[in-house]
């Protein structure tokens, strides 16, 4: 996948190790550059191996006290949250370089975090999605709207599991 800008992820106090593992897999699939997280709940839970593709070897997963302090240089902070006044993802034009900030599975981003995010977007669904599903949808939307998306059999061959050799 060609790069035009970059995408980094910020996870605010994630709860579930399985969701963080799935976030890391999504980061690898969609070319995110790094993942930061706050809170200590994940620290206690990360001993359970959930990153089955070992994406953490290529994409840093870094704990921090404050996501605002790790906003990558040149990135636009974008909160993803189901709150009134947010912009729908369907109409959103992603910044060239983004720092996507996601709330916890069992709560919301606080007003302090929302205050330093330049945009707040939501995914129009019936009900709320879990953290990993939300990250996948946002990163897929970014990729799908990119002018540099690569398509075709070479992409399929490079992405599929080793056990999948089916052709049509």
N, C-alpha and C. Protein backbone atom coordinates (compact mmCIF):
# COMPACT_ATOMS: atom_id res chain seq x y z
N UNK A 1 0.84 -1.17 0.00
CA UNK A 1 0.00 0.00 0.00
C UNK A 1 0.89 1.24 0.00
N UNK A 2 0.64 2.15 -0.93
CA UNK A 2 1.40 3.39 -0.98
C UNK A 2 1.01 4.28 0.18
N UNK A 3 1.98 5.03 0.67
CA UNK A 3 1.73 5.92 1.80
C UNK A 3 1.53 7.35 1.30
N UNK A 4 0.50 7.99 1.80
CA UNK A 4 0.27 9.40 1.59
C UNK A 4 -0.08 9.95 2.96
N UNK A 5 0.91 10.49 3.64
CA UNK A 5 0.70 10.88 5.03
C UNK A 5 0.84 9.67 5.93
N UNK A 6 0.22 9.75 7.11
CA UNK A 6 0.30 8.62 8.04
C UNK A 6 -0.91 8.61 8.95
N UNK A 7 -1.10 7.48 9.60
CA UNK A 7 -2.17 7.33 10.58
C UNK A 7 -1.59 6.67 11.83
N UNK A 8 -1.83 7.29 12.97
CA UNK A 8 -1.45 6.72 14.27
C UNK A 8 -2.72 6.62 15.10
N UNK A 9 -2.71 5.71 16.06
CA UNK A 9 -3.90 5.46 16.87
C UNK A 9 -3.62 5.76 18.33
N UNK A 10 -4.59 6.34 19.01
CA UNK A 10 -4.54 6.55 20.45
C UNK A 10 -5.72 5.86 21.10
N UNK A 11 -5.45 4.96 22.03
CA UNK A 11 -6.50 4.23 22.74
C UNK A 11 -6.57 4.75 24.17
N UNK A 12 -7.70 5.33 24.51
CA UNK A 12 -7.87 5.92 25.84
C UNK A 12 -8.37 4.84 26.80
N UNK A 13 -7.50 4.41 27.70
CA UNK A 13 -7.81 3.43 28.75
C UNK A 13 -8.50 2.18 28.23
N UNK A 14 -7.89 1.47 27.26
CA UNK A 14 -8.53 0.26 26.74
C UNK A 14 -8.65 -0.81 27.83
N UNK A 15 -9.70 -1.58 27.76
CA UNK A 15 -10.00 -2.56 28.80
C UNK A 15 -9.58 -3.97 28.40
N UNK A 16 -9.85 -4.34 27.19
CA UNK A 16 -9.77 -5.73 26.77
C UNK A 16 -8.50 -6.05 25.99
N UNK A 17 -7.73 -7.06 26.42
CA UNK A 17 -6.54 -7.44 25.66
C UNK A 17 -6.90 -8.00 24.29
N UNK A 18 -8.04 -8.67 24.18
CA UNK A 18 -8.42 -9.20 22.87
C UNK A 18 -8.72 -8.07 21.90
N UNK A 19 -9.35 -7.00 22.38
CA UNK A 19 -9.61 -5.86 21.51
C UNK A 19 -8.33 -5.15 21.12
N UNK A 20 -7.39 -5.00 22.04
CA UNK A 20 -6.12 -4.35 21.69
C UNK A 20 -5.36 -5.21 20.68
N UNK A 21 -5.38 -6.52 20.85
CA UNK A 21 -4.76 -7.41 19.86
C UNK A 21 -5.40 -7.24 18.49
N UNK A 22 -6.73 -7.14 18.46
CA UNK A 22 -7.43 -6.94 17.20
C UNK A 22 -7.16 -5.55 16.62
N UNK A 23 -6.98 -4.55 17.48
CA UNK A 23 -6.59 -3.21 17.01
C UNK A 23 -5.21 -3.28 16.35
N UNK A 24 -4.29 -4.01 16.95
CA UNK A 24 -2.95 -4.15 16.37
C UNK A 24 -3.02 -4.84 15.01
N UNK A 25 -3.86 -5.84 14.89
CA UNK A 25 -4.02 -6.52 13.59
C UNK A 25 -4.57 -5.54 12.56
N UNK A 26 -5.57 -4.74 12.94
CA UNK A 26 -6.12 -3.73 12.03
C UNK A 26 -5.05 -2.73 11.64
N UNK A 27 -4.24 -2.31 12.61
CA UNK A 27 -3.16 -1.37 12.32
C UNK A 27 -2.23 -1.94 11.26
N UNK A 28 -1.93 -3.22 11.36
CA UNK A 28 -1.08 -3.87 10.36
C UNK A 28 -1.75 -3.97 9.01
N UNK A 29 -3.03 -4.34 8.99
CA UNK A 29 -3.76 -4.49 7.73
C UNK A 29 -3.88 -3.19 6.96
N UNK A 30 -4.07 -2.09 7.67
CA UNK A 30 -4.34 -0.81 7.02
C UNK A 30 -3.17 0.16 7.07
N UNK A 31 -2.01 -0.31 7.50
CA UNK A 31 -0.81 0.51 7.41
C UNK A 31 -0.68 1.62 8.43
N UNK A 32 -1.27 1.46 9.61
CA UNK A 32 -1.06 2.47 10.66
C UNK A 32 0.39 2.42 11.12
N UNK A 33 0.89 3.54 11.60
CA UNK A 33 2.31 3.65 11.95
C UNK A 33 2.63 3.31 13.39
N UNK A 34 1.71 3.61 14.32
CA UNK A 34 1.96 3.34 15.73
C UNK A 34 0.63 3.36 16.48
N UNK A 35 0.65 2.73 17.66
CA UNK A 35 -0.52 2.70 18.53
C UNK A 35 -0.06 3.07 19.93
N UNK A 36 -0.74 4.06 20.51
CA UNK A 36 -0.46 4.50 21.87
C UNK A 36 -1.68 4.19 22.73
N UNK A 37 -1.47 3.94 24.01
CA UNK A 37 -2.60 3.71 24.91
C UNK A 37 -2.32 4.33 26.27
N UNK A 38 -3.41 4.68 26.97
CA UNK A 38 -3.30 5.19 28.34
C UNK A 38 -3.97 4.21 29.29
N UNK A 39 -3.79 4.45 30.56
CA UNK A 39 -4.45 3.64 31.58
C UNK A 39 -3.65 2.42 31.95
N UNK A 40 -4.06 1.76 33.02
CA UNK A 40 -3.33 0.58 33.46
C UNK A 40 -4.11 -0.71 33.30
N UNK A 41 -5.35 -0.64 32.82
CA UNK A 41 -6.13 -1.87 32.66
C UNK A 41 -5.50 -2.78 31.62
N UNK A 42 -5.04 -2.22 30.50
CA UNK A 42 -4.44 -3.05 29.48
C UNK A 42 -3.11 -3.64 29.96
N UNK A 43 -2.34 -2.87 30.70
CA UNK A 43 -1.06 -3.36 31.24
C UNK A 43 -1.27 -4.66 32.02
N UNK A 44 -2.34 -4.72 32.82
CA UNK A 44 -2.62 -5.91 33.62
C UNK A 44 -3.07 -7.07 32.75
N UNK A 45 -3.69 -6.77 31.62
CA UNK A 45 -4.29 -7.81 30.80
C UNK A 45 -3.42 -8.28 29.64
N UNK A 46 -2.35 -7.55 29.30
CA UNK A 46 -1.63 -7.84 28.07
C UNK A 46 -0.82 -9.13 28.10
N UNK A 47 -0.73 -9.78 29.24
CA UNK A 47 -0.01 -11.05 29.29
C UNK A 47 -0.72 -12.13 28.47
N UNK A 48 -2.01 -11.90 28.17
CA UNK A 48 -2.73 -12.83 27.32
C UNK A 48 -2.38 -12.51 25.86
N UNK A 49 -1.90 -13.49 25.13
CA UNK A 49 -1.43 -13.26 23.76
C UNK A 49 -2.63 -13.16 22.83
N UNK A 50 -2.84 -11.97 22.26
CA UNK A 50 -3.96 -11.78 21.34
C UNK A 50 -3.50 -11.26 19.98
N UNK A 51 -2.27 -10.88 19.85
CA UNK A 51 -1.72 -10.37 18.60
C UNK A 51 -1.16 -11.55 17.81
N UNK A 52 -2.05 -12.33 17.19
CA UNK A 52 -1.65 -13.59 16.56
C UNK A 52 -0.79 -13.40 15.32
N UNK A 53 -0.81 -12.25 14.72
CA UNK A 53 0.03 -11.97 13.54
C UNK A 53 1.34 -11.29 13.91
N UNK A 54 1.58 -11.11 15.21
CA UNK A 54 2.82 -10.50 15.73
C UNK A 54 3.08 -9.12 15.12
N UNK A 55 2.01 -8.36 14.94
CA UNK A 55 2.10 -7.01 14.38
C UNK A 55 2.94 -6.11 15.28
N UNK A 56 2.93 -6.38 16.59
CA UNK A 56 3.68 -5.55 17.53
C UNK A 56 5.17 -5.52 17.22
N UNK A 57 5.65 -6.48 16.41
CA UNK A 57 7.06 -6.48 16.03
C UNK A 57 7.35 -5.42 14.96
N UNK A 58 6.32 -4.99 14.24
CA UNK A 58 6.48 -3.99 13.18
C UNK A 58 5.88 -2.63 13.52
N UNK A 59 4.85 -2.63 14.35
CA UNK A 59 4.16 -1.39 14.71
C UNK A 59 4.26 -1.21 16.21
N UNK A 60 4.85 -0.11 16.67
CA UNK A 60 5.00 0.09 18.11
C UNK A 60 3.66 0.21 18.83
N UNK A 61 3.55 -0.46 19.97
CA UNK A 61 2.43 -0.33 20.89
C UNK A 61 3.01 0.25 22.18
N UNK A 62 2.69 1.52 22.45
CA UNK A 62 3.39 2.28 23.48
C UNK A 62 2.41 2.82 24.52
N UNK A 63 2.68 2.53 25.78
CA UNK A 63 1.90 3.09 26.87
C UNK A 63 2.35 4.50 27.18
N UNK A 64 1.41 5.37 27.52
CA UNK A 64 1.71 6.76 27.84
C UNK A 64 0.74 7.25 28.91
N UNK A 65 1.15 8.25 29.64
CA UNK A 65 0.28 8.85 30.66
C UNK A 65 -0.76 9.77 30.03
N UNK A 66 -0.42 10.36 28.86
CA UNK A 66 -1.25 11.41 28.28
C UNK A 66 -1.15 11.35 26.76
N UNK A 67 -2.25 11.02 26.09
CA UNK A 67 -2.23 10.94 24.62
C UNK A 67 -1.90 12.28 23.97
N UNK A 68 -2.29 13.37 24.59
CA UNK A 68 -2.00 14.69 24.01
C UNK A 68 -0.50 14.91 23.85
N UNK A 69 0.28 14.37 24.78
CA UNK A 69 1.74 14.56 24.74
C UNK A 69 2.42 13.73 23.66
N UNK A 70 1.71 12.78 23.06
CA UNK A 70 2.34 11.93 22.03
C UNK A 70 1.73 12.14 20.65
N UNK A 71 0.98 13.22 20.47
CA UNK A 71 0.43 13.50 19.14
C UNK A 71 1.61 13.64 18.18
N UNK A 72 1.66 12.82 17.14
CA UNK A 72 2.78 12.91 16.21
C UNK A 72 2.84 14.27 15.51
N UNK A 73 4.05 14.73 15.28
CA UNK A 73 4.27 16.01 14.62
C UNK A 73 3.58 16.02 13.26
N UNK A 74 2.76 17.01 13.02
CA UNK A 74 2.06 17.14 11.75
C UNK A 74 0.74 16.40 11.67
N UNK A 75 0.37 15.69 12.73
CA UNK A 75 -0.88 14.92 12.72
C UNK A 75 -2.04 15.76 13.24
N UNK A 76 -3.19 15.55 12.66
CA UNK A 76 -4.43 16.15 13.14
C UNK A 76 -5.09 15.18 14.10
N UNK A 77 -5.31 15.58 15.37
CA UNK A 77 -6.00 14.69 16.30
C UNK A 77 -7.50 14.62 15.99
N UNK A 78 -8.00 13.39 15.84
CA UNK A 78 -9.39 13.15 15.48
C UNK A 78 -9.99 12.17 16.48
N UNK A 79 -11.00 12.61 17.21
CA UNK A 79 -11.69 11.73 18.16
C UNK A 79 -12.77 10.94 17.42
N UNK A 80 -12.91 9.68 17.78
CA UNK A 80 -13.98 8.86 17.25
C UNK A 80 -14.88 8.53 18.44
N UNK A 81 -16.08 9.08 18.42
CA UNK A 81 -16.95 8.96 19.59
C UNK A 81 -18.40 9.17 19.19
N UNK A 82 -19.30 8.43 19.80
CA UNK A 82 -20.74 8.59 19.59
C UNK A 82 -21.25 9.71 20.49
N UNK A 83 -21.05 10.94 20.05
CA UNK A 83 -21.55 12.08 20.83
C UNK A 83 -22.27 13.05 19.90
N UNK A 84 -23.23 13.73 20.47
CA UNK A 84 -24.00 14.71 19.70
C UNK A 84 -23.08 15.80 19.18
N UNK A 85 -23.28 16.19 17.93
CA UNK A 85 -22.47 17.22 17.31
C UNK A 85 -21.29 16.67 16.51
N UNK A 86 -21.03 15.37 16.62
CA UNK A 86 -19.93 14.77 15.86
C UNK A 86 -20.32 14.68 14.38
N UNK A 87 -19.30 14.62 13.52
CA UNK A 87 -19.50 14.50 12.08
C UNK A 87 -19.59 13.02 11.70
N UNK A 88 -20.47 12.66 10.76
CA UNK A 88 -20.54 11.26 10.35
C UNK A 88 -19.31 10.85 9.53
N UNK A 89 -18.81 9.67 9.79
CA UNK A 89 -17.65 9.15 9.05
C UNK A 89 -17.94 9.08 7.55
N UNK A 90 -19.18 8.80 7.18
CA UNK A 90 -19.53 8.66 5.77
C UNK A 90 -19.20 9.90 4.95
N UNK A 91 -19.26 11.08 5.56
CA UNK A 91 -18.99 12.34 4.86
C UNK A 91 -17.62 12.92 5.19
N UNK A 92 -16.85 12.24 6.01
CA UNK A 92 -15.61 12.80 6.54
C UNK A 92 -14.47 12.71 5.53
N UNK A 93 -13.74 13.79 5.40
CA UNK A 93 -12.52 13.81 4.59
C UNK A 93 -11.35 13.70 5.56
N UNK A 94 -10.64 12.58 5.49
CA UNK A 94 -9.55 12.32 6.43
C UNK A 94 -8.38 13.27 6.19
N UNK A 95 -7.74 13.73 7.25
CA UNK A 95 -6.53 14.54 7.08
C UNK A 95 -5.41 13.66 6.51
N UNK A 96 -4.46 14.30 5.83
CA UNK A 96 -3.34 13.56 5.26
C UNK A 96 -2.61 12.77 6.34
N UNK A 97 -2.39 13.38 7.49
CA UNK A 97 -1.75 12.71 8.62
C UNK A 97 -2.68 12.86 9.82
N UNK A 98 -3.06 11.72 10.40
CA UNK A 98 -4.06 11.74 11.47
C UNK A 98 -3.60 10.97 12.69
N UNK A 99 -4.07 11.43 13.84
CA UNK A 99 -3.93 10.73 15.11
C UNK A 99 -5.35 10.45 15.58
N UNK A 100 -5.84 9.24 15.32
CA UNK A 100 -7.20 8.86 15.66
C UNK A 100 -7.25 8.42 17.12
N UNK A 101 -8.15 9.03 17.89
CA UNK A 101 -8.26 8.78 19.33
C UNK A 101 -9.59 8.08 19.61
N UNK A 102 -9.51 6.91 20.22
CA UNK A 102 -10.67 6.07 20.50
C UNK A 102 -10.89 5.95 22.00
N UNK A 103 -12.15 6.00 22.42
CA UNK A 103 -12.49 5.86 23.83
C UNK A 103 -12.46 4.41 24.28
N UNK A 104 -12.65 4.18 25.58
CA UNK A 104 -12.63 2.83 26.12
C UNK A 104 -13.89 2.05 25.73
N UNK A 105 -13.80 0.73 25.83
CA UNK A 105 -14.92 -0.13 25.49
C UNK A 105 -16.13 0.12 26.39
N UNK A 106 -15.89 0.55 27.60
CA UNK A 106 -16.97 0.69 28.57
C UNK A 106 -17.17 2.14 29.03
N UNK A 107 -16.89 3.08 28.14
CA UNK A 107 -17.04 4.48 28.51
C UNK A 107 -16.89 5.38 27.30
N UNK A 108 -16.56 6.63 27.56
CA UNK A 108 -16.41 7.63 26.51
C UNK A 108 -15.14 8.44 26.73
N UNK A 109 -14.72 9.13 25.70
CA UNK A 109 -13.63 10.08 25.86
C UNK A 109 -14.12 11.23 26.73
N UNK A 110 -13.26 11.73 27.60
CA UNK A 110 -13.69 12.83 28.47
C UNK A 110 -13.58 14.17 27.72
N UNK A 111 -14.16 15.20 28.30
CA UNK A 111 -14.19 16.52 27.65
C UNK A 111 -12.79 17.09 27.45
N UNK A 112 -11.88 16.78 28.35
CA UNK A 112 -10.51 17.29 28.21
C UNK A 112 -9.87 16.74 26.94
N UNK A 113 -10.03 15.45 26.68
CA UNK A 113 -9.48 14.85 25.45
C UNK A 113 -10.18 15.44 24.23
N UNK A 114 -11.49 15.54 24.29
CA UNK A 114 -12.24 16.10 23.16
C UNK A 114 -11.83 17.54 22.86
N UNK A 115 -11.40 18.28 23.87
CA UNK A 115 -11.05 19.69 23.68
C UNK A 115 -9.82 19.88 22.80
N UNK A 116 -8.89 18.93 22.79
CA UNK A 116 -7.70 19.10 21.94
C UNK A 116 -7.79 18.35 20.61
N UNK A 117 -8.89 17.64 20.40
CA UNK A 117 -9.09 17.00 19.10
C UNK A 117 -9.70 18.01 18.13
N UNK A 118 -9.13 18.10 16.94
CA UNK A 118 -9.60 19.08 15.96
C UNK A 118 -10.91 18.66 15.30
N UNK A 119 -11.16 17.36 15.23
CA UNK A 119 -12.40 16.84 14.68
C UNK A 119 -12.93 15.76 15.61
N UNK A 120 -14.25 15.60 15.60
CA UNK A 120 -14.89 14.48 16.29
C UNK A 120 -15.82 13.83 15.28
N UNK A 121 -15.60 12.54 15.04
CA UNK A 121 -16.42 11.82 14.06
C UNK A 121 -17.09 10.63 14.74
N UNK A 122 -18.17 10.18 14.11
CA UNK A 122 -18.86 8.99 14.61
C UNK A 122 -19.21 8.09 13.43
N UNK A 123 -19.42 6.82 13.72
CA UNK A 123 -19.82 5.85 12.70
C UNK A 123 -21.32 5.65 12.87
N UNK A 124 -22.12 5.99 11.84
CA UNK A 124 -23.56 5.84 11.98
C UNK A 124 -23.96 4.35 11.95
N UNK A 125 -24.30 3.84 13.11
CA UNK A 125 -24.70 2.44 13.26
C UNK A 125 -25.97 2.38 14.09
N UNK A 126 -26.56 1.21 14.15
CA UNK A 126 -27.66 0.96 15.08
C UNK A 126 -27.02 0.30 16.29
N UNK A 127 -26.79 1.04 17.33
CA UNK A 127 -26.06 0.54 18.48
C UNK A 127 -24.58 0.87 18.34
N UNK A 128 -23.81 0.55 19.37
CA UNK A 128 -22.39 0.89 19.33
C UNK A 128 -21.55 -0.34 19.00
N UNK A 129 -20.42 -0.11 18.37
CA UNK A 129 -19.49 -1.19 18.04
C UNK A 129 -18.41 -1.26 19.11
N UNK A 130 -17.70 -2.39 19.15
CA UNK A 130 -16.60 -2.47 20.10
C UNK A 130 -15.38 -1.73 19.54
N UNK A 131 -14.37 -1.60 20.36
CA UNK A 131 -13.17 -0.84 20.02
C UNK A 131 -12.53 -1.34 18.73
N UNK A 132 -12.27 -2.63 18.65
CA UNK A 132 -11.56 -3.18 17.49
C UNK A 132 -12.37 -2.99 16.21
N UNK A 133 -13.67 -3.22 16.27
CA UNK A 133 -14.50 -3.03 15.09
C UNK A 133 -14.49 -1.57 14.64
N UNK A 134 -14.54 -0.65 15.59
CA UNK A 134 -14.51 0.77 15.27
C UNK A 134 -13.20 1.16 14.59
N UNK A 135 -12.08 0.68 15.12
CA UNK A 135 -10.77 0.96 14.51
C UNK A 135 -10.73 0.42 13.09
N UNK A 136 -11.20 -0.80 12.88
CA UNK A 136 -11.21 -1.38 11.54
C UNK A 136 -12.01 -0.53 10.56
N UNK A 137 -13.19 -0.09 10.97
CA UNK A 137 -14.05 0.70 10.08
C UNK A 137 -13.39 2.04 9.75
N UNK A 138 -12.84 2.72 10.74
CA UNK A 138 -12.20 4.03 10.50
C UNK A 138 -11.00 3.87 9.57
N UNK A 139 -10.15 2.89 9.83
CA UNK A 139 -8.96 2.71 8.98
C UNK A 139 -9.33 2.24 7.58
N UNK A 140 -10.36 1.40 7.47
CA UNK A 140 -10.82 0.99 6.14
C UNK A 140 -11.36 2.20 5.38
N UNK A 141 -12.15 3.03 6.04
CA UNK A 141 -12.70 4.23 5.40
C UNK A 141 -11.58 5.14 4.91
N UNK A 142 -10.55 5.30 5.74
CA UNK A 142 -9.39 6.12 5.34
C UNK A 142 -8.75 5.55 4.08
N UNK A 143 -8.54 4.23 4.07
CA UNK A 143 -7.92 3.58 2.92
C UNK A 143 -8.81 3.69 1.68
N UNK A 144 -10.11 3.42 1.84
CA UNK A 144 -11.03 3.43 0.71
C UNK A 144 -11.15 4.80 0.06
N UNK A 145 -11.01 5.86 0.85
CA UNK A 145 -11.11 7.22 0.33
C UNK A 145 -9.77 7.78 -0.15
N UNK A 146 -8.71 7.01 0.02
CA UNK A 146 -7.38 7.46 -0.37
C UNK A 146 -7.21 7.43 -1.89
N UNK A 147 -6.50 8.40 -2.41
CA UNK A 147 -6.20 8.43 -3.85
C UNK A 147 -5.14 7.40 -4.21
N UNK A 148 -4.43 6.88 -3.23
CA UNK A 148 -3.31 5.97 -3.50
C UNK A 148 -3.62 4.51 -3.22
N UNK A 149 -4.88 4.14 -3.19
CA UNK A 149 -5.24 2.75 -2.90
C UNK A 149 -4.78 1.85 -4.05
N UNK A 150 -4.20 0.73 -3.69
CA UNK A 150 -3.76 -0.25 -4.67
C UNK A 150 -4.76 -1.38 -4.72
N UNK A 151 -5.08 -1.84 -5.91
CA UNK A 151 -6.07 -2.88 -6.12
C UNK A 151 -5.49 -3.98 -7.00
N UNK A 152 -6.12 -5.15 -6.98
CA UNK A 152 -5.75 -6.21 -7.91
C UNK A 152 -5.21 -7.46 -7.24
N UNK A 153 -4.85 -8.41 -8.10
CA UNK A 153 -4.40 -9.72 -7.63
C UNK A 153 -3.11 -9.66 -6.83
N UNK A 154 -2.22 -8.72 -7.14
CA UNK A 154 -0.98 -8.61 -6.35
C UNK A 154 -1.30 -8.27 -4.89
N UNK A 155 -2.29 -7.41 -4.68
CA UNK A 155 -2.71 -7.06 -3.32
C UNK A 155 -3.29 -8.29 -2.63
N UNK A 156 -4.11 -9.04 -3.36
CA UNK A 156 -4.71 -10.25 -2.79
C UNK A 156 -3.63 -11.26 -2.40
N UNK A 157 -2.69 -11.51 -3.30
CA UNK A 157 -1.62 -12.48 -3.01
C UNK A 157 -0.78 -12.04 -1.81
N UNK A 158 -0.55 -10.76 -1.67
CA UNK A 158 0.26 -10.27 -0.56
C UNK A 158 -0.48 -10.21 0.77
N UNK A 159 -1.80 -10.28 0.74
CA UNK A 159 -2.59 -10.12 1.95
C UNK A 159 -3.17 -11.41 2.51
N UNK A 160 -3.42 -12.38 1.66
CA UNK A 160 -4.14 -13.57 2.12
C UNK A 160 -3.27 -14.50 2.96
N UNK A 161 -3.95 -15.38 3.66
CA UNK A 161 -3.31 -16.40 4.48
C UNK A 161 -2.58 -17.39 3.58
N UNK A 162 -1.52 -17.97 4.07
CA UNK A 162 -0.73 -18.94 3.29
C UNK A 162 -1.54 -20.15 2.84
N UNK A 163 -2.59 -20.49 3.56
CA UNK A 163 -3.42 -21.64 3.21
C UNK A 163 -4.46 -21.33 2.15
N UNK A 164 -4.57 -20.09 1.73
CA UNK A 164 -5.58 -19.68 0.76
C UNK A 164 -4.91 -19.48 -0.60
N UNK A 165 -5.13 -20.43 -1.50
CA UNK A 165 -4.57 -20.34 -2.86
C UNK A 165 -5.67 -20.41 -3.92
N UNK A 166 -6.91 -20.16 -3.53
CA UNK A 166 -8.06 -20.27 -4.42
C UNK A 166 -8.05 -19.15 -5.45
N UNK A 167 -8.43 -19.50 -6.69
CA UNK A 167 -8.56 -18.52 -7.78
C UNK A 167 -9.92 -18.70 -8.42
N UNK A 168 -10.43 -17.60 -9.06
CA UNK A 168 -11.66 -17.73 -9.85
C UNK A 168 -11.34 -17.57 -11.31
